Amino acid sequence: MTTGLTRGGTEWTPQFVTNLDQEKCIGCGRCYKVCPRNVLDLVERELADDDDDEDDDNMMVMAIADAMDCIGCGACGRVCPKDCYTYAPA
């Protein structure tokens, strides 16, 4: 497991992003703005209607573009108003 030390000498274990729940995501972009790396991307999500009309509601939501670029800072989850992120130590 990856661990480090804070500036004050306390041991710290980074939590890396493992999942983003697009069903909860509202596409506000707050996480994209605070991410210091290129981990996230805005993508289009289709919301399917129950009656299969061609007038599907399309919505922009966040997606994990490059999870391997995550540095484990957790900034994305701290600013997310819908608690969309799941993390795990490496």
PDB file of N, CA and C in Angstrom:
ATOM      1  N   MET A   1       0.848  -1.176   0.000  1.00  0.00           N
ATOM      2  CA  MET A   1       0.000   0.000   0.000  1.00  0.00           C
ATOM      3  C   MET A   1       0.894   1.241   0.000  1.00  0.00           C
ATOM      4  N   THR A   2       0.504   2.224  -0.772  1.00  0.00           N
ATOM      5  CA  THR A   2       1.244   3.476  -0.863  1.00  0.00           C
ATOM      6  C   THR A   2       0.941   4.345   0.351  1.00  0.00           C
ATOM      7  N   THR A   3       1.980   4.829   1.016  1.00  0.00           N
ATOM      8  CA  THR A   3       1.815   5.769   2.123  1.00  0.00           C
ATOM      9  C   THR A   3       2.836   6.885   1.970  1.00  0.00           C
ATOM     10  N   GLY A   4       2.566   7.972   2.611  1.00  0.00           N
ATOM     11  CA  GLY A   4       3.468   9.111   2.596  1.00  0.00           C
ATOM     12  C   GLY A   4       3.404   9.818   3.925  1.00  0.00           C
ATOM     13  N   LEU A   5       4.117  10.909   4.027  1.00  0.00           N
ATOM     14  CA  LEU A   5       4.092  11.723   5.234  1.00  0.00           C
ATOM     15  C   LEU A   5       3.565  13.100   4.900  1.00  0.00           C
ATOM     16  N   THR A   6       2.739  13.625   5.800  1.00  0.00           N
ATOM     17  CA  THR A   6       2.292  14.996   5.639  1.00  0.00           C
ATOM     18  C   THR A   6       3.434  15.928   6.010  1.00  0.00           C
ATOM     19  N   ARG A   7       3.261  17.172   5.776  1.00  0.00           N
ATOM     20  CA  ARG A   7       4.287  18.168   6.123  1.00  0.00           C
ATOM     21  C   ARG A   7       4.607  18.152   7.618  1.00  0.00           C
ATOM     22  N   GLY A   8       3.597  17.824   8.415  1.00  0.00           N
ATOM     23  CA  GLY A   8       3.782  17.751   9.865  1.00  0.00           C
ATOM     24  C   GLY A   8       4.335  16.424  10.349  1.00  0.00           C
ATOM     25  N   GLY A   9       4.576  15.476   9.433  1.00  0.00           N
ATOM     26  CA  GLY A   9       5.164  14.203   9.805  1.00  0.00           C
ATOM     27  C   GLY A   9       4.181  13.079  10.061  1.00  0.00           C
ATOM     28  N   THR A  10       2.886  13.335   9.899  1.00  0.00           N
ATOM     29  CA  THR A  10       1.874  12.312  10.098  1.00  0.00           C
ATOM     30  C   THR A  10       1.795  11.417   8.865  1.00  0.00           C
ATOM     31  N   GLU A  11       1.648  10.117   9.086  1.00  0.00           N
ATOM     32  CA  GLU A  11       1.517   9.187   7.969  1.00  0.00           C
ATOM     33  C   GLU A  11       0.179   9.406   7.261  1.00  0.00           C
ATOM     34  N   TRP A  12       0.205   9.345   5.937  1.00  0.00           N
ATOM     35  CA  TRP A  12      -0.985   9.589   5.116  1.00  0.00           C
ATOM     36  C   TRP A  12      -1.067   8.523   4.032  1.00  0.00           C
ATOM     37  N   THR A  13      -2.244   7.931   3.864  1.00  0.00           N
ATOM     38  CA  THR A  13      -2.481   6.943   2.817  1.00  0.00           C
ATOM     39  C   THR A  13      -3.415   7.567   1.782  1.00  0.00           C
ATOM     40  N   PRO A  14      -2.934   7.823   0.569  1.00  0.00           N
ATOM     41  CA  PRO A  14      -3.795   8.414  -0.459  1.00  0.00           C
ATOM     42  C   PRO A  14      -4.904   7.454  -0.871  1.00  0.00           C
ATOM     43  N   GLN A  15      -6.053   8.008  -1.146  1.00  0.00           N
ATOM     44  CA  GLN A  15      -7.210   7.253  -1.619  1.00  0.00           C
ATOM     45  C   GLN A  15      -7.420   7.613  -3.083  1.00  0.00           C
ATOM     46  N   PHE A  16      -7.232   6.646  -3.965  1.00  0.00           N
ATOM     47  CA  PHE A  16      -7.323   6.883  -5.405  1.00  0.00           C
ATOM     48  C   PHE A  16      -8.745   6.612  -5.911  1.00  0.00           C
ATOM     49  N   VAL A  17      -9.186   7.410  -6.863  1.00  0.00           N
ATOM     50  CA  VAL A  17     -10.531   7.260  -7.411  1.00  0.00           C
ATOM     51  C   VAL A  17     -10.639   5.921  -8.141  1.00  0.00           C
ATOM     52  N   THR A  18     -11.697   5.176  -7.819  1.00  0.00           N
ATOM     53  CA  THR A  18     -11.929   3.876  -8.446  1.00  0.00           C
ATOM     54  C   THR A  18     -13.229   3.840  -9.232  1.00  0.00           C
ATOM     55  N   ASN A  19     -14.180   4.700  -8.873  1.00  0.00           N
ATOM     56  CA  ASN A  19     -15.474   4.681  -9.542  1.00  0.00           C
ATOM     57  C   ASN A  19     -16.140   6.041  -9.439  1.00  0.00           C
ATOM     58  N   LEU A  20     -16.937   6.353 -10.443  1.00  0.00           N
ATOM     59  CA  LEU A  20     -17.734   7.574 -10.468  1.00  0.00           C
ATOM     60  C   LEU A  20     -19.143   7.148 -10.863  1.00  0.00           C
ATOM     61  N   ASP A  21     -20.114   7.377  -9.999  1.00  0.00           N
ATOM     62  CA  ASP A  21     -21.502   6.980 -10.244  1.00  0.00           C
ATOM     63  C   ASP A  21     -22.175   7.998 -11.157  1.00  0.00           C
ATOM     64  N   GLN A  22     -22.280   7.678 -12.443  1.00  0.00           N
ATOM     65  CA  GLN A  22     -22.858   8.599 -13.413  1.00  0.00           C
ATOM     66  C   GLN A  22     -24.362   8.762 -13.241  1.00  0.00           C
ATOM     67  N   GLU A  23     -25.004   7.857 -12.546  1.00  0.00           N
ATOM     68  CA  GLU A  23     -26.437   7.998 -12.280  1.00  0.00           C
ATOM     69  C   GLU A  23     -26.699   9.149 -11.308  1.00  0.00           C
ATOM     70  N   LYS A  24     -25.755   9.389 -10.389  1.00  0.00           N
ATOM     71  CA  LYS A  24     -25.879  10.484  -9.426  1.00  0.00           C
ATOM     72  C   LYS A  24     -25.361  11.806  -9.984  1.00  0.00           C
ATOM     73  N   CYS A  25     -24.413  11.739 -10.905  1.00  0.00           N
ATOM     74  CA  CYS A  25     -23.713  12.927 -11.411  1.00  0.00           C
ATOM     75  C   CYS A  25     -24.676  13.891 -12.095  1.00  0.00           C
ATOM     76  N   ILE A  26     -24.518  15.186 -11.788  1.00  0.00           N
ATOM     77  CA  ILE A  26     -25.337  16.225 -12.416  1.00  0.00           C
ATOM     78  C   ILE A  26     -24.543  17.036 -13.439  1.00  0.00           C
ATOM     79  N   GLY A  27     -23.287  16.672 -13.645  1.00  0.00           N
ATOM     80  CA  GLY A  27     -22.458  17.335 -14.658  1.00  0.00           C
ATOM     81  C   GLY A  27     -22.089  18.766 -14.334  1.00  0.00           C
ATOM     82  N   CYS A  28     -21.973  19.098 -13.064  1.00  0.00           N
ATOM     83  CA  CYS A  28     -21.681  20.481 -12.668  1.00  0.00           C
ATOM     84  C   CYS A  28     -20.247  20.898 -13.002  1.00  0.00           C
ATOM     85  N   GLY A  29     -19.326  19.931 -13.103  1.00  0.00           N
ATOM     86  CA  GLY A  29     -17.950  20.222 -13.478  1.00  0.00           C
ATOM     87  C   GLY A  29     -17.052  20.686 -12.348  1.00  0.00           C
ATOM     88  N   ARG A  30     -17.545  20.706 -11.124  1.00  0.00           N
ATOM     89  CA  ARG A  30     -16.717  21.149  -9.998  1.00  0.00           C
ATOM     90  C   ARG A  30     -15.488  20.258  -9.836  1.00  0.00           C
ATOM     91  N   CYS A  31     -15.679  18.966  -9.964  1.00  0.00           N
ATOM     92  CA  CYS A  31     -14.568  18.017  -9.808  1.00  0.00           C
ATOM     93  C   CYS A  31     -13.535  18.209 -10.914  1.00  0.00           C
ATOM     94  N   TYR A  32     -14.009  18.465 -12.114  1.00  0.00           N
ATOM     95  CA  TYR A  32     -13.101  18.682 -13.247  1.00  0.00           C
ATOM     96  C   TYR A  32     -12.211  19.901 -13.000  1.00  0.00           C
ATOM     97  N   LYS A  33     -12.802  20.943 -12.426  1.00  0.00           N
ATOM     98  CA  LYS A  33     -12.063  22.180 -12.181  1.00  0.00           C
ATOM     99  C   LYS A  33     -11.003  22.034 -11.097  1.00  0.00           C
ATOM    100  N   VAL A  34     -11.245  21.189 -10.087  1.00  0.00           N
ATOM    101  CA  VAL A  34     -10.285  21.068  -8.992  1.00  0.00           C
ATOM    102  C   VAL A  34      -9.244  19.973  -9.209  1.00  0.00           C
ATOM    103  N   CYS A  35      -9.460  19.081 -10.160  1.00  0.00           N
ATOM    104  CA  CYS A  35      -8.521  17.980 -10.378  1.00  0.00           C
ATOM    105  C   CYS A  35      -7.212  18.526 -10.948  1.00  0.00           C
ATOM    106  N   PRO A  36      -6.077  18.265 -10.251  1.00  0.00           N
ATOM    107  CA  PRO A  36      -4.802  18.787 -10.732  1.00  0.00           C
ATOM    108  C   PRO A  36      -4.203  17.965 -11.875  1.00  0.00           C
ATOM    109  N   ARG A  37      -4.843  16.879 -12.243  1.00  0.00           N
ATOM    110  CA  ARG A  37      -4.358  15.995 -13.304  1.00  0.00           C
ATOM    111  C   ARG A  37      -5.450  15.859 -14.374  1.00  0.00           C
ATOM    112  N   ASN A  38      -5.223  15.036 -15.371  1.00  0.00           N
ATOM    113  CA  ASN A  38      -6.222  14.806 -16.434  1.00  0.00           C
ATOM    114  C   ASN A  38      -6.977  13.506 -16.177  1.00  0.00           C
ATOM    115  N   VAL A  39      -7.583  13.408 -15.005  1.00  0.00           N
ATOM    116  CA  VAL A  39      -8.272  12.184 -14.611  1.00  0.00           C
ATOM    117  C   VAL A  39      -9.709  12.155 -15.132  1.00  0.00           C
ATOM    118  N   LEU A  40     -10.349  13.298 -15.219  1.00  0.00           N
ATOM    119  CA  LEU A  40     -11.781  13.353 -15.529  1.00  0.00           C
ATOM    120  C   LEU A  40     -12.058  13.964 -16.899  1.00  0.00           C
ATOM    121  N   ASP A  41     -13.243  13.622 -17.429  1.00  0.00           N
ATOM    122  CA  ASP A  41     -13.676  14.168 -18.710  1.00  0.00           C
ATOM    123  C   ASP A  41     -15.192  14.286 -18.692  1.00  0.00           C
ATOM    124  N   LEU A  42     -15.713  15.253 -19.422  1.00  0.00           N
ATOM    125  CA  LEU A  42     -17.150  15.452 -19.542  1.00  0.00           C
ATOM    126  C   LEU A  42     -17.638  14.672 -20.752  1.00  0.00           C
ATOM    127  N   VAL A  43     -18.631  13.797 -20.556  1.00  0.00           N
ATOM    128  CA  VAL A  43     -19.165  12.955 -21.632  1.00  0.00           C
ATOM    129  C   VAL A  43     -20.686  13.058 -21.665  1.00  0.00           C
ATOM    130  N   GLU A  44     -21.265  12.625 -22.754  1.00  0.00           N
ATOM    131  CA  GLU A  44     -22.716  12.649 -22.891  1.00  0.00           C
ATOM    132  C   GLU A  44     -23.294  11.324 -22.402  1.00  0.00           C
ATOM    133  N   ARG A  45     -24.344  11.427 -21.596  1.00  0.00           N
ATOM    134  CA  ARG A  45     -25.057  10.245 -21.111  1.00  0.00           C
ATOM    135  C   ARG A  45     -26.469  10.296 -21.649  1.00  0.00           C
ATOM    136  N   GLU A  46     -26.921   9.198 -22.191  1.00  0.00           N
ATOM    137  CA  GLU A  46     -28.299   9.120 -22.652  1.00  0.00           C
ATOM    138  C   GLU A  46     -29.157   8.543 -21.552  1.00  0.00           C
ATOM    139  N   LEU A  47     -30.254   9.211 -21.274  1.00  0.00           N
ATOM    140  CA  LEU A  47     -31.223   8.701 -20.311  1.00  0.00           C
ATOM    141  C   LEU A  47     -32.354   8.082 -21.106  1.00  0.00           C
ATOM    142  N   ALA A  48     -32.498   6.778 -21.023  1.00  0.00           N
ATOM    143  CA  ALA A  48     -33.512   6.077 -21.810  1.00  0.00           C
ATOM    144  C   ALA A  48     -34.884   6.258 -21.177  1.00  0.00           C
ATOM    145  N   ASP A  49     -35.886   6.508 -22.013  1.00  0.00           N
ATOM    146  CA  ASP A  49     -37.272   6.591 -21.567  1.00  0.00           C
ATOM    147  C   ASP A  49     -37.858   5.191 -21.501  1.00  0.00           C
ATOM    148  N   ASP A  50     -38.868   5.018 -20.640  1.00  0.00           N
ATOM    149  CA  ASP A  50     -39.514   3.714 -20.519  1.00  0.00           C
ATOM    150  C   ASP A  50     -40.325   3.360 -21.756  1.00  0.00           C
ATOM    151  N   ASP A  51     -40.885   4.365 -22.453  1.00  0.00           N
ATOM    152  CA  ASP A  51     -41.731   4.089 -23.616  1.00  0.00           C
ATOM    153  C   ASP A  51     -40.944   4.107 -24.917  1.00  0.00           C
ATOM    154  N   ASP A  52     -39.617   4.103 -24.869  1.00  0.00           N
ATOM    155  CA  ASP A  52     -38.742   3.997 -26.044  1.00  0.00           C
ATOM    156  C   ASP A  52     -39.027   5.039 -27.118  1.00  0.00           C
ATOM    157  N   ASP A  53     -39.357   6.269 -26.723  1.00  0.00           N
ATOM    158  CA  ASP A  53     -39.520   7.355 -27.691  1.00  0.00           C
ATOM    159  C   ASP A  53     -38.160   7.748 -28.230  1.00  0.00           C
ATOM    160  N   GLU A  54     -38.149   8.418 -29.343  1.00  0.00           N
ATOM    161  CA  GLU A  54     -36.880   8.883 -29.892  1.00  0.00           C
ATOM    162  C   GLU A  54     -36.430  10.176 -29.228  1.00  0.00           C
ATOM    163  N   ASP A  55     -37.244  10.757 -28.361  1.00  0.00           N
ATOM    164  CA  ASP A  55     -36.911  11.992 -27.659  1.00  0.00           C
ATOM    165  C   ASP A  55     -36.224  11.677 -26.336  1.00  0.00           C
ATOM    166  N   ASP A  56     -35.089  10.988 -26.390  1.00  0.00           N
ATOM    167  CA  ASP A  56     -34.337  10.681 -25.183  1.00  0.00           C
ATOM    168  C   ASP A  56     -33.709  11.959 -24.651  1.00  0.00           C
ATOM    169  N   ASP A  57     -33.676  12.077 -23.324  1.00  0.00           N
ATOM    170  CA  ASP A  57     -33.030  13.222 -22.695  1.00  0.00           C
ATOM    171  C   ASP A  57     -31.529  12.950 -22.643  1.00  0.00           C
ATOM    172  N   ASN A  58     -30.740  13.837 -23.229  1.00  0.00           N
ATOM    173  CA  ASN A  58     -29.286  13.707 -23.188  1.00  0.00           C
ATOM    174  C   ASN A  58     -28.748  14.666 -22.149  1.00  0.00           C
ATOM    175  N   MET A  59     -27.714  14.220 -21.445  1.00  0.00           N
ATOM    176  CA  MET A  59     -27.155  15.007 -20.360  1.00  0.00           C
ATOM    177  C   MET A  59     -25.647  14.818 -20.348  1.00  0.00           C
ATOM    178  N   MET A  60     -24.924  15.869 -20.032  1.00  0.00           N
ATOM    179  CA  MET A  60     -23.474  15.788 -19.895  1.00  0.00           C
ATOM    180  C   MET A  60     -23.146  15.433 -18.444  1.00  0.00           C
ATOM    181  N   VAL A  61     -22.294  14.434 -18.272  1.00  0.00           N
ATOM    182  CA  VAL A  61     -21.870  13.983 -16.946  1.00  0.00           C
ATOM    183  C   VAL A  61     -20.359  13.750 -16.962  1.00  0.00           C
ATOM    184  N   MET A  62     -19.786  13.601 -15.800  1.00  0.00           N
ATOM    185  CA  MET A  62     -18.358  13.341 -15.699  1.00  0.00           C
ATOM    186  C   MET A  62     -18.085  11.853 -15.862  1.00  0.00           C
ATOM    187  N   ALA A  63     -16.876  11.551 -16.327  1.00  0.00           N
ATOM    188  CA  ALA A  63     -16.409  10.171 -16.461  1.00  0.00           C
ATOM    189  C   ALA A  63     -14.937  10.138 -16.096  1.00  0.00           C
ATOM    190  N   ILE A  64     -14.467   8.981 -15.670  1.00  0.00           N
ATOM    191  CA  ILE A  64     -13.049   8.813 -15.381  1.00  0.00           C
ATOM    192  C   ILE A  64     -12.346   8.560 -16.704  1.00  0.00           C
ATOM    193  N   ALA A  65     -11.520   9.499 -17.121  1.00  0.00           N
ATOM    194  CA  ALA A  65     -10.814   9.396 -18.394  1.00  0.00           C
ATOM    195  C   ALA A  65      -9.498   8.643 -18.243  1.00  0.00           C
ATOM    196  N   ASP A  66      -8.775   8.888 -17.141  1.00  0.00           N
ATOM    197  CA  ASP A  66      -7.475   8.249 -16.928  1.00  0.00           C
ATOM    198  C   ASP A  66      -7.250   8.046 -15.430  1.00  0.00           C
ATOM    199  N   ALA A  67      -7.765   6.945 -14.903  1.00  0.00           N
ATOM    200  CA  ALA A  67      -7.639   6.658 -13.469  1.00  0.00           C
ATOM    201  C   ALA A  67      -6.186   6.498 -13.034  1.00  0.00           C
ATOM    202  N   MET A  68      -5.323   6.101 -13.960  1.00  0.00           N
ATOM    203  CA  MET A  68      -3.915   5.899 -13.616  1.00  0.00           C
ATOM    204  C   MET A  68      -3.177   7.222 -13.389  1.00  0.00           C
ATOM    205  N   ASP A  69      -3.791   8.349 -13.745  1.00  0.00           N
ATOM    206  CA  ASP A  69      -3.184   9.664 -13.526  1.00  0.00           C
ATOM    207  C   ASP A  69      -3.596  10.271 -12.180  1.00  0.00           C
ATOM    208  N   CYS A  70      -4.493   9.587 -11.450  1.00  0.00           N
ATOM    209  CA  CYS A  70      -4.970  10.070 -10.151  1.00  0.00           C
ATOM    210  C   CYS A  70      -3.820  10.053  -9.140  1.00  0.00           C
ATOM    211  N   ILE A  71      -3.669  11.149  -8.390  1.00  0.00           N
ATOM    212  CA  ILE A  71      -2.618  11.236  -7.373  1.00  0.00           C
ATOM    213  C   ILE A  71      -3.165  10.991  -5.962  1.00  0.00           C
ATOM    214  N   GLY A  72      -4.461  10.716  -5.839  1.00  0.00           N
ATOM    215  CA  GLY A  72      -5.042  10.368  -4.548  1.00  0.00           C
ATOM    216  C   GLY A  72      -5.320  11.528  -3.625  1.00  0.00           C
ATOM    217  N   CYS A  73      -5.490  12.719  -4.166  1.00  0.00           N
ATOM    218  CA  CYS A  73      -5.720  13.893  -3.313  1.00  0.00           C
ATOM    219  C   CYS A  73      -7.150  13.959  -2.773  1.00  0.00           C
ATOM    220  N   GLY A  74      -8.119  13.379  -3.493  1.00  0.00           N
ATOM    221  CA  GLY A  74      -9.505  13.369  -3.048  1.00  0.00           C
ATOM    222  C   GLY A  74     -10.256  14.660  -3.253  1.00  0.00           C
ATOM    223  N   ALA A  75      -9.672  15.618  -3.965  1.00  0.00           N
ATOM    224  CA  ALA A  75     -10.325  16.910  -4.170  1.00  0.00           C
ATOM    225  C   ALA A  75     -11.659  16.761  -4.899  1.00  0.00           C
ATOM    226  N   CYS A  76     -11.730  15.842  -5.834  1.00  0.00           N
ATOM    227  CA  CYS A  76     -12.956  15.660  -6.621  1.00  0.00           C
ATOM    228  C   CYS A  76     -14.136  15.284  -5.715  1.00  0.00           C
ATOM    229  N   GLY A  77     -13.905  14.386  -4.794  1.00  0.00           N
ATOM    230  CA  GLY A  77     -14.964  13.959  -3.887  1.00  0.00           C
ATOM    231  C   GLY A  77     -15.363  15.012  -2.883  1.00  0.00           C
ATOM    232  N   ARG A  78     -14.415  15.851  -2.484  1.00  0.00           N
ATOM    233  CA  ARG A  78     -14.727  16.897  -1.507  1.00  0.00           C
ATOM    234  C   ARG A  78     -15.618  17.985  -2.093  1.00  0.00           C
ATOM    235  N   VAL A  79     -15.521  18.233  -3.394  1.00  0.00           N
ATOM    236  CA  VAL A  79     -16.347  19.286  -3.999  1.00  0.00           C
ATOM    237  C   VAL A  79     -17.625  18.749  -4.639  1.00  0.00           C
ATOM    238  N   CYS A  80     -17.763  17.427  -4.735  1.00  0.00           N
ATOM    239  CA  CYS A  80     -18.935  16.831  -5.393  1.00  0.00           C
ATOM    240  C   CYS A  80     -20.182  16.973  -4.522  1.00  0.00           C
ATOM    241  N   PRO A  81     -21.216  17.669  -5.028  1.00  0.00           N
ATOM    242  CA  PRO A  81     -22.428  17.855  -4.230  1.00  0.00           C
ATOM    243  C   PRO A  81     -23.308  16.601  -4.163  1.00  0.00           C
ATOM    244  N   LYS A  82     -23.035  15.608  -4.992  1.00  0.00           N
ATOM    245  CA  LYS A  82     -23.862  14.404  -5.046  1.00  0.00           C
ATOM    246  C   LYS A  82     -23.164  13.141  -4.533  1.00  0.00           C
ATOM    247  N   ASP A  83     -21.943  13.285  -4.024  1.00  0.00           N
ATOM    248  CA  ASP A  83     -21.188  12.154  -3.465  1.00  0.00           C
ATOM    249  C   ASP A  83     -21.077  11.007  -4.474  1.00  0.00           C
ATOM    250  N   CYS A  84     -20.561  11.320  -5.666  1.00  0.00           N
ATOM    251  CA  CYS A  84     -20.485  10.363  -6.767  1.00  0.00           C
ATOM    252  C   CYS A  84     -19.247   9.476  -6.754  1.00  0.00           C
ATOM    253  N   TYR A  85     -18.247   9.800  -5.964  1.00  0.00           N
ATOM    254  CA  TYR A  85     -16.947   9.139  -6.069  1.00  0.00           C
ATOM    255  C   TYR A  85     -16.735   8.029  -5.051  1.00  0.00           C
ATOM    256  N   THR A  86     -16.015   6.992  -5.494  1.00  0.00           N
ATOM    257  CA  THR A  86     -15.579   5.909  -4.634  1.00  0.00           C
ATOM    258  C   THR A  86     -14.060   5.846  -4.722  1.00  0.00           C
ATOM    259  N   TYR A  87     -13.421   5.607  -3.580  1.00  0.00           N
ATOM    260  CA  TYR A  87     -11.954   5.610  -3.507  1.00  0.00           C
ATOM    261  C   TYR A  87     -11.447   4.337  -2.843  1.00  0.00           C
ATOM    262  N   ALA A  88     -10.187   4.029  -3.114  1.00  0.00           N
ATOM    263  CA  ALA A  88      -9.502   2.918  -2.448  1.00  0.00           C
ATOM    264  C   ALA A  88      -8.019   3.222  -2.420  1.00  0.00           C
ATOM    265  N   PRO A  89      -7.308   2.731  -1.392  1.00  0.00           N
ATOM    266  CA  PRO A  89      -5.851   2.913  -1.381  1.00  0.00           C
ATOM    267  C   PRO A  89      -5.211   2.023  -2.450  1.00  0.00           C
ATOM    268  N   ALA A  90      -4.015   2.386  -2.880  1.00  0.00           N
ATOM    269  CA  ALA A  90      -3.330   1.574  -3.905  1.00  0.00           C
ATOM    270  C   ALA A  90      -2.602   0.424  -3.253  1.00  0.00           C
TER     271      ALA A  90
END
